[in-house]
Amino acid sequence: MAPTREIVRARRGVTIMFWLNGVGFASLLPRYPELKSALGLGELGWGLVVGLGPLGGLIAGLFTARLIRRFTSAKVNLVTALLGLAMLSVYGNATHWTVFALGILLMAGLDAISDISMNAHGLRVQKLYGRSILNGLHGWWSVGAVSGGLLGALAAQARIPIWLQCLLAFAIFGALALYARGLLLKGPDAAPDPDRAEVSGGIPRRWLPRLIALGLLGASVGLIEDSGASWGAVYMDSMFTVSPFVVGMAFVALQGAQVIGRFTGDALTNRIGPRLAVTQGVIIAGIGMGLAVAFPSAWATLAGFACAGWGIATAIPMAMHAADELPGMAHGNGLTFVTWLMRVGFFAGPPLIGLVADAVGIRWALIVIPAAALLALLLTPALTPPAKENR
């Protein structure tokens, strides 16, 4: 049966939500070398300060399922999206590392809530469609991230003041968030379901090992994804003599390839299954970045980040979907648990790469990425759907 006009409108609205979630934070990433220099931070100091951000996501993620059940995913997403865009001006204009850390901490906390709420709404729309659309929605997140990276790189090349860039981002992207809210599905996100029994703590013990594995799988590829954001521009600026625009292209290469991987991901997953799709992807990510570290050049680095982006494209959406489909949990608990644990990768990645950079130099710091791909490969069995229970 063809989807109704309401469902089609909701898909358009949630697509905009995903795009906005990617574009906002990404618009400042090409300016990171300027911010790092202005704050006077070394490699380890920068890694630690940037790594504080995901800590906000870990804390905020603990409350997201309750917020969604009380206020709906649509309302929660709008509020956190607007507040998150406002945080760009806080850490984008910071003159001391403590202000930068506070701003990025709050931004990451709001981003975590926005991320979970938009995925919850996307899964709601997907059920009404009756077929997989989640990889495509994550593809639009990647489109947003690429758009933000390009806008930030162009702003850096044109020497537009960061304060003005942040102000324009809030005005334009905030207006789009308000528009998207009007397109989303009305009412609560889930009706009471007798198959989803409330349990103590919200997580049945039988699913805890699987959810931990799914979360760590997401954390591993999250580290890879965040490496392009937190270190891509800094690495390019430190290792090679290139223009400010090219400095920002490491992140764009990763996210651009991820766009392709995610828009083709639904068809690939339907054909070969989620586990095999993710398995072949993380192998390509590990090999590509391994070669980039072994044979450093500006173009090899961009190619390595592109392999990483394409390789991890389906991993996070598939881990979220696998968690959300497990029976016997209150609505949103499995998704929230896995998404929360995924943020360990975003939290641990920047300081880990900074620690390696301080110890053996920034060139070898990126060896952390192939190591994370190997860990993800070992965790892919968690994507195999559980056997159906007899009722």
Protein backbone atom coordinates (compact mmCIF):
# COMPACT_ATOMS: atom_id res chain seq x y z
CA MET A 1 0.00 0.00 0.00
CA ALA A 2 1.35 3.42 -0.95
CA PRO A 3 2.19 5.74 1.98
CA THR A 4 -0.30 8.48 2.75
CA ARG A 5 0.43 12.18 2.23
CA GLU A 6 0.96 12.55 5.98
CA ILE A 7 3.63 9.85 6.01
CA VAL A 8 5.37 11.33 2.96
CA ARG A 9 5.39 14.76 4.65
CA ALA A 10 6.79 13.21 7.80
CA ARG A 11 9.59 11.56 5.85
CA ARG A 12 10.46 14.93 4.32
CA GLY A 13 10.45 16.52 7.77
CA VAL A 14 12.61 13.87 9.39
CA THR A 15 15.00 14.07 6.43
CA ILE A 16 15.47 17.77 7.16
CA MET A 17 16.04 16.91 10.83
CA PHE A 18 18.86 14.54 9.89
CA TRP A 19 20.39 17.10 7.50
CA LEU A 20 20.33 19.83 10.15
CA ASN A 21 21.90 17.56 12.75
CA GLY A 22 24.84 17.04 10.40
CA VAL A 23 25.29 20.54 9.00
CA GLY A 24 25.40 22.58 12.20
CA PHE A 25 28.37 21.12 14.03
CA ALA A 26 30.24 20.34 10.79
CA SER A 27 30.28 23.99 9.73
CA LEU A 28 32.88 24.78 12.40
CA LEU A 29 35.17 21.79 11.87
CA PRO A 30 37.29 23.42 9.11
CA ARG A 31 37.90 26.30 11.55
CA TYR A 32 39.40 23.97 14.19
CA PRO A 33 43.02 24.80 13.28
CA GLU A 34 42.22 28.49 13.90
CA LEU A 35 40.53 27.71 17.19
CA LYS A 36 43.35 25.38 18.30
CA SER A 37 45.90 28.09 17.56
CA ALA A 38 43.87 30.82 19.27
CA LEU A 39 43.49 28.70 22.40
CA GLY A 40 47.21 27.87 22.46
CA LEU A 41 46.69 24.12 22.86
CA GLY A 42 49.11 21.33 21.97
CA GLU A 43 48.17 18.00 20.42
CA LEU A 44 47.22 16.21 23.65
CA GLY A 45 45.54 19.30 25.11
CA TRP A 46 43.43 19.73 21.98
CA GLY A 47 42.47 16.06 21.99
CA LEU A 48 41.43 16.22 25.64
CA VAL A 49 39.38 19.41 25.24
CA VAL A 50 37.58 18.17 22.12
CA GLY A 51 37.09 14.82 23.83
CA LEU A 52 35.19 16.50 26.66
CA GLY A 53 32.32 17.19 24.28
CA PRO A 54 31.04 13.63 23.95
CA LEU A 55 30.99 13.39 27.75
CA GLY A 56 27.99 15.71 27.55
CA GLY A 57 26.41 13.26 25.14
CA LEU A 58 27.01 10.34 27.51
CA ILE A 59 25.29 12.21 30.35
CA ALA A 60 22.39 13.62 28.34
CA GLY A 61 21.71 10.31 26.61
CA LEU A 62 20.69 8.74 29.92
CA PHE A 63 17.51 10.84 30.02
CA THR A 64 16.50 10.86 26.37
CA ALA A 65 14.11 7.89 26.33
CA ARG A 66 12.08 9.43 29.17
CA LEU A 67 12.00 12.82 27.47
CA ILE A 68 10.76 11.27 24.22
CA ARG A 69 8.03 9.28 25.97
CA ARG A 70 6.87 12.39 27.84
CA PHE A 71 7.16 15.12 25.20
CA THR A 72 7.39 13.15 21.86
CA SER A 73 10.42 12.87 19.61
CA ALA A 74 9.29 15.78 17.39
CA LYS A 75 9.15 18.32 20.22
CA VAL A 76 12.36 17.11 21.85
CA ASN A 77 14.22 17.33 18.55
CA LEU A 78 13.12 20.88 17.79
CA VAL A 79 14.14 22.28 21.18
CA THR A 80 17.51 20.54 21.29
CA ALA A 81 18.29 21.41 17.66
CA LEU A 82 17.75 25.13 18.31
CA LEU A 83 19.74 25.12 21.55
CA GLY A 84 22.54 23.14 19.90
CA LEU A 85 22.83 25.69 17.10
CA ALA A 86 23.09 28.43 19.73
CA MET A 87 26.07 26.61 21.29
CA LEU A 88 28.08 27.12 18.09
CA SER A 89 28.51 30.76 19.06
CA VAL A 90 29.69 29.79 22.55
CA TYR A 91 32.61 27.54 21.65
CA GLY A 92 33.19 29.07 18.21
CA ASN A 93 34.00 32.43 19.85
CA ALA A 94 35.83 31.06 22.90
CA THR A 95 39.00 32.88 23.97
CA HIS A 96 39.88 30.37 26.71
CA TRP A 97 39.89 26.59 26.64
CA THR A 98 37.43 26.38 29.56
CA VAL A 99 34.78 28.30 27.59
CA PHE A 100 35.46 26.14 24.54
CA ALA A 101 35.14 22.98 26.65
CA LEU A 102 31.88 24.15 28.25
CA GLY A 103 30.37 25.11 24.90
CA ILE A 104 31.31 21.85 23.19
CA LEU A 105 30.15 19.88 26.25
CA LEU A 106 26.69 21.48 26.08
CA MET A 107 26.58 21.17 22.30
CA ALA A 108 27.34 17.45 22.49
CA GLY A 109 24.72 16.89 25.18
CA LEU A 110 22.05 18.60 23.12
CA ASP A 111 23.25 16.77 20.01
CA ALA A 112 22.87 13.41 21.78
CA ILE A 113 19.25 14.11 22.65
CA SER A 114 18.56 15.48 19.17
CA ASP A 115 20.24 12.45 17.59
CA ILE A 116 18.22 9.88 19.51
CA SER A 117 14.94 11.75 19.04
CA MET A 118 15.36 12.08 15.27
CA ASN A 119 16.24 8.37 14.98
CA ALA A 120 13.20 7.49 17.07
CA HIS A 121 11.00 9.53 14.74
CA GLY A 122 12.73 8.07 11.69
CA LEU A 123 12.08 4.53 12.92
CA ARG A 124 8.44 5.49 13.51
CA VAL A 125 8.16 6.69 9.91
CA GLN A 126 10.00 3.60 8.65
CA LYS A 127 7.43 1.30 10.29
CA LEU A 128 4.63 3.17 8.53
CA TYR A 129 6.47 2.81 5.21
CA GLY A 130 6.88 -0.93 5.77
CA ARG A 131 10.42 -1.00 4.34
CA SER A 132 13.91 0.15 5.26
CA ILE A 133 14.56 3.90 4.92
CA LEU A 134 16.93 4.42 7.89
CA ASN A 135 20.18 4.16 5.93
CA GLY A 136 18.86 6.80 3.55
CA LEU A 137 17.97 9.09 6.44
CA HIS A 138 21.49 8.71 7.79
CA GLY A 139 22.66 9.47 4.27
CA TRP A 140 21.00 12.85 4.58
CA TRP A 141 22.85 13.37 7.87
CA SER A 142 26.05 12.81 5.92
CA VAL A 143 24.88 15.22 3.21
CA GLY A 144 24.38 17.77 5.97
CA ALA A 145 27.83 17.09 7.36
CA VAL A 146 29.41 17.48 3.91
CA SER A 147 27.42 20.69 3.36
CA GLY A 148 28.59 22.06 6.69
CA GLY A 149 32.19 21.09 6.00
CA LEU A 150 32.13 22.78 2.61
CA LEU A 151 30.51 25.92 4.02
CA GLY A 152 33.07 26.07 6.81
CA ALA A 153 35.96 25.51 4.42
CA LEU A 154 34.68 28.26 2.11
CA ALA A 155 34.23 30.59 5.08
CA ALA A 156 37.80 29.88 6.21
CA GLN A 157 39.14 30.47 2.70
CA ALA A 158 37.20 33.76 2.47
CA ARG A 159 38.34 34.75 6.00
CA ILE A 160 34.78 35.31 7.19
CA PRO A 161 34.85 35.96 10.96
CA ILE A 162 33.81 32.92 12.97
CA TRP A 163 31.31 34.95 15.01
CA LEU A 164 29.47 35.97 11.84
CA GLN A 165 29.49 32.43 10.49
CA CYS A 166 27.95 31.13 13.75
CA LEU A 167 25.28 33.84 13.79
CA LEU A 168 24.22 33.11 10.21
CA ALA A 169 24.15 29.37 10.93
CA PHE A 170 21.78 29.87 13.86
CA ALA A 171 19.41 32.09 11.87
CA ILE A 172 19.23 29.98 8.70
CA PHE A 173 19.35 26.50 10.18
CA GLY A 174 17.03 27.46 13.04
CA ALA A 175 14.38 28.57 10.56
CA LEU A 176 14.68 25.22 8.76
CA ALA A 177 14.24 23.37 12.07
CA LEU A 178 10.97 25.21 12.71
CA TYR A 179 9.77 24.34 9.21
CA ALA A 180 10.65 20.64 9.64
CA ARG A 181 8.73 20.45 12.92
CA GLY A 182 5.50 21.26 11.11
CA LEU A 183 5.93 18.28 8.77
CA LEU A 184 6.43 15.58 11.40
CA LEU A 185 3.94 13.00 12.64
CA LYS A 186 1.52 14.12 15.30
CA GLY A 187 0.75 12.47 18.60
CA PRO A 188 2.80 10.12 20.83
CA ASP A 189 5.57 8.02 19.33
CA ALA A 190 4.27 4.62 20.40
CA ALA A 191 0.98 3.14 21.55
CA PRO A 192 1.11 0.64 24.43
CA ASP A 193 2.42 -2.70 23.13
CA PRO A 194 1.82 -5.91 25.14
CA ASP A 195 4.93 -7.45 23.55
CA ARG A 196 7.12 -4.65 24.92
CA ALA A 197 6.75 -5.29 28.62
CA GLU A 198 8.20 -2.80 31.06
CA VAL A 199 11.08 -4.40 32.97
CA SER A 200 13.24 -3.41 35.89
CA GLY A 201 15.79 -0.91 34.65
CA GLY A 202 14.25 -1.06 31.18
CA ILE A 203 16.77 -3.61 29.79
CA PRO A 204 16.10 -7.37 30.05
CA ARG A 205 19.21 -9.26 31.19
CA ARG A 206 19.06 -11.63 28.24
CA TRP A 207 19.62 -8.75 25.80
CA LEU A 208 22.27 -6.90 27.79
CA PRO A 209 25.33 -8.66 26.20
CA ARG A 210 23.93 -8.09 22.71
CA LEU A 211 23.17 -4.43 23.41
CA ILE A 212 26.66 -3.91 24.82
CA ALA A 213 28.17 -5.50 21.70
CA LEU A 214 25.99 -3.33 19.44
CA GLY A 215 26.93 -0.25 21.43
CA LEU A 216 30.66 -1.01 21.26
CA LEU A 217 30.34 -1.71 17.53
CA GLY A 218 28.80 1.75 17.16
CA ALA A 219 31.48 3.23 19.43
CA SER A 220 34.24 1.77 17.25
CA VAL A 221 32.87 3.22 14.03
CA GLY A 222 31.95 6.39 15.91
CA LEU A 223 35.64 6.83 16.73
CA ILE A 224 36.44 6.44 13.04
CA GLU A 225 33.76 8.94 12.03
CA ASP A 226 34.83 11.45 14.67
CA SER A 227 38.49 11.21 13.66
CA GLY A 228 37.68 13.10 10.48
CA ALA A 229 35.85 15.74 12.50
CA SER A 230 38.25 16.23 15.42
CA TRP A 231 41.59 15.53 13.74
CA GLY A 232 41.14 15.59 9.96
CA ALA A 233 41.78 19.33 9.50
CA VAL A 234 44.47 19.44 12.22
CA TYR A 235 46.28 16.45 10.65
CA MET A 236 46.18 17.92 7.15
CA ASP A 237 47.38 21.31 8.43
CA SER A 238 50.25 19.76 10.41
CA MET A 239 51.45 17.21 7.84
CA PHE A 240 51.12 18.94 4.47
CA THR A 241 51.45 22.36 2.88
CA VAL A 242 47.97 22.89 1.47
CA SER A 243 45.40 25.71 1.28
CA PRO A 244 42.81 26.28 4.05
CA PHE A 245 40.14 24.86 1.75
CA VAL A 246 42.04 21.58 1.25
CA VAL A 247 42.66 21.40 5.00
CA GLY A 248 38.90 21.04 5.48
CA MET A 249 38.59 18.33 2.85
CA ALA A 250 39.61 15.41 5.08
CA PHE A 251 36.29 15.61 6.87
CA VAL A 252 34.44 16.26 3.61
CA ALA A 253 36.09 13.21 2.00
CA LEU A 254 34.97 10.97 4.86
CA GLN A 255 31.43 12.30 4.93
CA GLY A 256 31.11 12.53 1.14
CA ALA A 257 31.96 8.85 0.75
CA GLN A 258 29.64 8.08 3.63
CA VAL A 259 26.81 9.78 1.72
CA ILE A 260 27.25 7.31 -1.14
CA GLY A 261 27.49 4.37 1.25
CA ARG A 262 24.35 5.33 3.10
CA PHE A 263 22.18 6.07 0.09
CA THR A 264 23.10 2.66 -1.34
CA GLY A 265 23.04 1.03 2.09
CA ASP A 266 19.36 0.08 2.20
CA ALA A 267 19.59 -1.83 -1.08
CA LEU A 268 22.88 -3.47 -0.05
CA THR A 269 21.49 -4.49 3.35
CA ASN A 270 18.32 -5.92 1.81
CA ARG A 271 20.44 -7.96 -0.60
CA ILE A 272 23.22 -9.37 1.62
CA GLY A 273 22.01 -8.68 5.17
CA PRO A 274 23.20 -6.21 7.80
CA ARG A 275 26.06 -8.28 9.19
CA LEU A 276 27.77 -8.90 5.83
CA ALA A 277 27.19 -5.31 4.71
CA VAL A 278 28.90 -3.94 7.82
CA THR A 279 31.65 -6.58 7.75
CA GLN A 280 32.88 -5.79 4.24
CA GLY A 281 32.63 -2.08 5.01
CA VAL A 282 34.82 -2.01 8.12
CA ILE A 283 37.43 -4.14 6.34
CA ILE A 284 37.66 -1.51 3.59
CA ALA A 285 37.81 1.28 6.19
CA GLY A 286 40.70 -0.39 8.03
CA ILE A 287 42.73 -1.14 4.91
CA GLY A 288 42.19 2.34 3.42
CA MET A 289 43.31 4.24 6.52
CA GLY A 290 46.15 1.80 7.13
CA LEU A 291 47.58 2.54 3.69
CA ALA A 292 47.12 6.30 4.24
CA VAL A 293 49.20 6.14 7.42
CA ALA A 294 51.86 3.91 5.83
CA PHE A 295 52.25 6.10 2.72
CA PRO A 296 51.44 9.67 3.81
CA SER A 297 50.52 12.35 1.31
CA ALA A 298 47.67 14.82 1.11
CA TRP A 299 45.82 12.86 -1.55
CA ALA A 300 46.47 9.47 0.09
CA THR A 301 45.06 10.88 3.32
CA LEU A 302 41.92 12.12 1.57
CA ALA A 303 41.52 8.72 -0.11
CA GLY A 304 41.99 6.97 3.25
CA PHE A 305 39.33 9.10 4.90
CA ALA A 306 37.03 8.40 1.94
CA CYS A 307 37.51 4.64 2.40
CA ALA A 308 36.76 5.07 6.10
CA GLY A 309 33.56 6.99 5.39
CA TRP A 310 32.26 4.54 2.81
CA GLY A 311 33.23 1.58 4.97
CA ILE A 312 31.37 2.61 8.11
CA ALA A 313 28.30 4.00 6.32
CA THR A 314 25.81 1.28 7.31
CA ALA A 315 27.25 0.33 10.72
CA ILE A 316 25.57 2.88 13.00
CA PRO A 317 22.09 2.72 11.37
CA MET A 318 22.18 -1.09 11.45
CA ALA A 319 23.26 -1.20 15.11
CA MET A 320 20.44 1.19 16.02
CA HIS A 321 17.89 -0.84 14.05
CA ALA A 322 19.07 -4.12 15.61
CA ALA A 323 18.73 -2.65 19.11
CA ASP A 324 15.30 -1.16 18.46
CA GLU A 325 13.93 -4.48 17.16
CA LEU A 326 14.76 -6.51 20.27
CA PRO A 327 11.55 -7.55 22.07
CA GLY A 328 10.63 -7.11 25.72
CA MET A 329 11.69 -3.48 26.28
CA ALA A 330 9.90 -0.18 26.79
CA HIS A 331 9.80 1.99 23.69
CA GLY A 332 13.12 3.71 23.03
CA ASN A 333 15.17 1.92 25.69
CA GLY A 334 17.20 -0.31 23.37
CA LEU A 335 17.86 2.53 20.93
CA THR A 336 18.84 4.89 23.76
CA PHE A 337 21.15 2.35 25.42
CA VAL A 338 23.05 1.58 22.22
CA THR A 339 23.21 5.21 21.10
CA TRP A 340 24.49 6.19 24.54
CA LEU A 341 27.22 3.55 24.46
CA MET A 342 28.16 4.56 20.92
CA ARG A 343 29.23 7.92 22.27
CA VAL A 344 32.07 6.25 24.13
CA GLY A 345 33.85 6.20 20.77
CA PHE A 346 33.28 9.92 20.25
CA PHE A 347 34.47 10.52 23.83
CA ALA A 348 37.56 8.29 23.72
CA GLY A 349 38.69 8.96 20.15
CA PRO A 350 40.05 12.54 20.26
CA PRO A 351 42.18 12.16 23.43
CA LEU A 352 43.39 8.71 22.34
CA ILE A 353 44.59 10.06 19.00
CA GLY A 354 46.13 13.06 20.82
CA LEU A 355 47.94 10.74 23.24
CA VAL A 356 49.41 8.70 20.38
CA ALA A 357 50.34 11.91 18.54
CA ASP A 358 52.25 13.20 21.57
CA ALA A 359 54.04 9.88 21.96
CA VAL A 360 55.04 9.01 18.39
CA GLY A 361 54.04 12.01 16.24
CA ILE A 362 50.85 13.05 14.54
CA ARG A 363 51.49 10.89 11.45
CA TRP A 364 51.20 7.64 13.39
CA ALA A 365 48.33 8.87 15.55
CA LEU A 366 45.84 7.86 12.86
CA ILE A 367 46.81 4.20 13.28
CA VAL A 368 44.05 4.26 15.92
CA ILE A 369 41.52 4.21 13.06
CA PRO A 370 42.48 0.80 11.55
CA ALA A 371 42.59 -0.58 15.11
CA ALA A 372 39.03 0.62 15.69
CA ALA A 373 37.96 -0.97 12.39
CA LEU A 374 39.39 -4.31 13.56
CA LEU A 375 37.42 -4.09 16.82
CA ALA A 376 34.23 -3.31 14.85
CA LEU A 377 34.86 -6.36 12.68
CA LEU A 378 35.03 -8.60 15.75
CA LEU A 379 31.67 -7.25 16.99
CA THR A 380 29.64 -7.70 13.79
CA PRO A 381 28.04 -11.02 14.93
CA ALA A 382 25.80 -8.92 17.21
CA LEU A 383 23.96 -7.71 14.08
CA THR A 384 22.54 -11.19 13.40
CA PRO A 385 18.83 -11.06 14.29
CA PRO A 386 17.86 -13.23 17.27
CA ALA A 387 15.81 -16.36 16.66
CA LYS A 388 12.08 -15.72 16.80
CA GLU A 389 10.48 -16.83 20.00
CA ASN A 390 7.51 -19.14 20.25
CA ARG A 391 4.58 -17.36 21.82
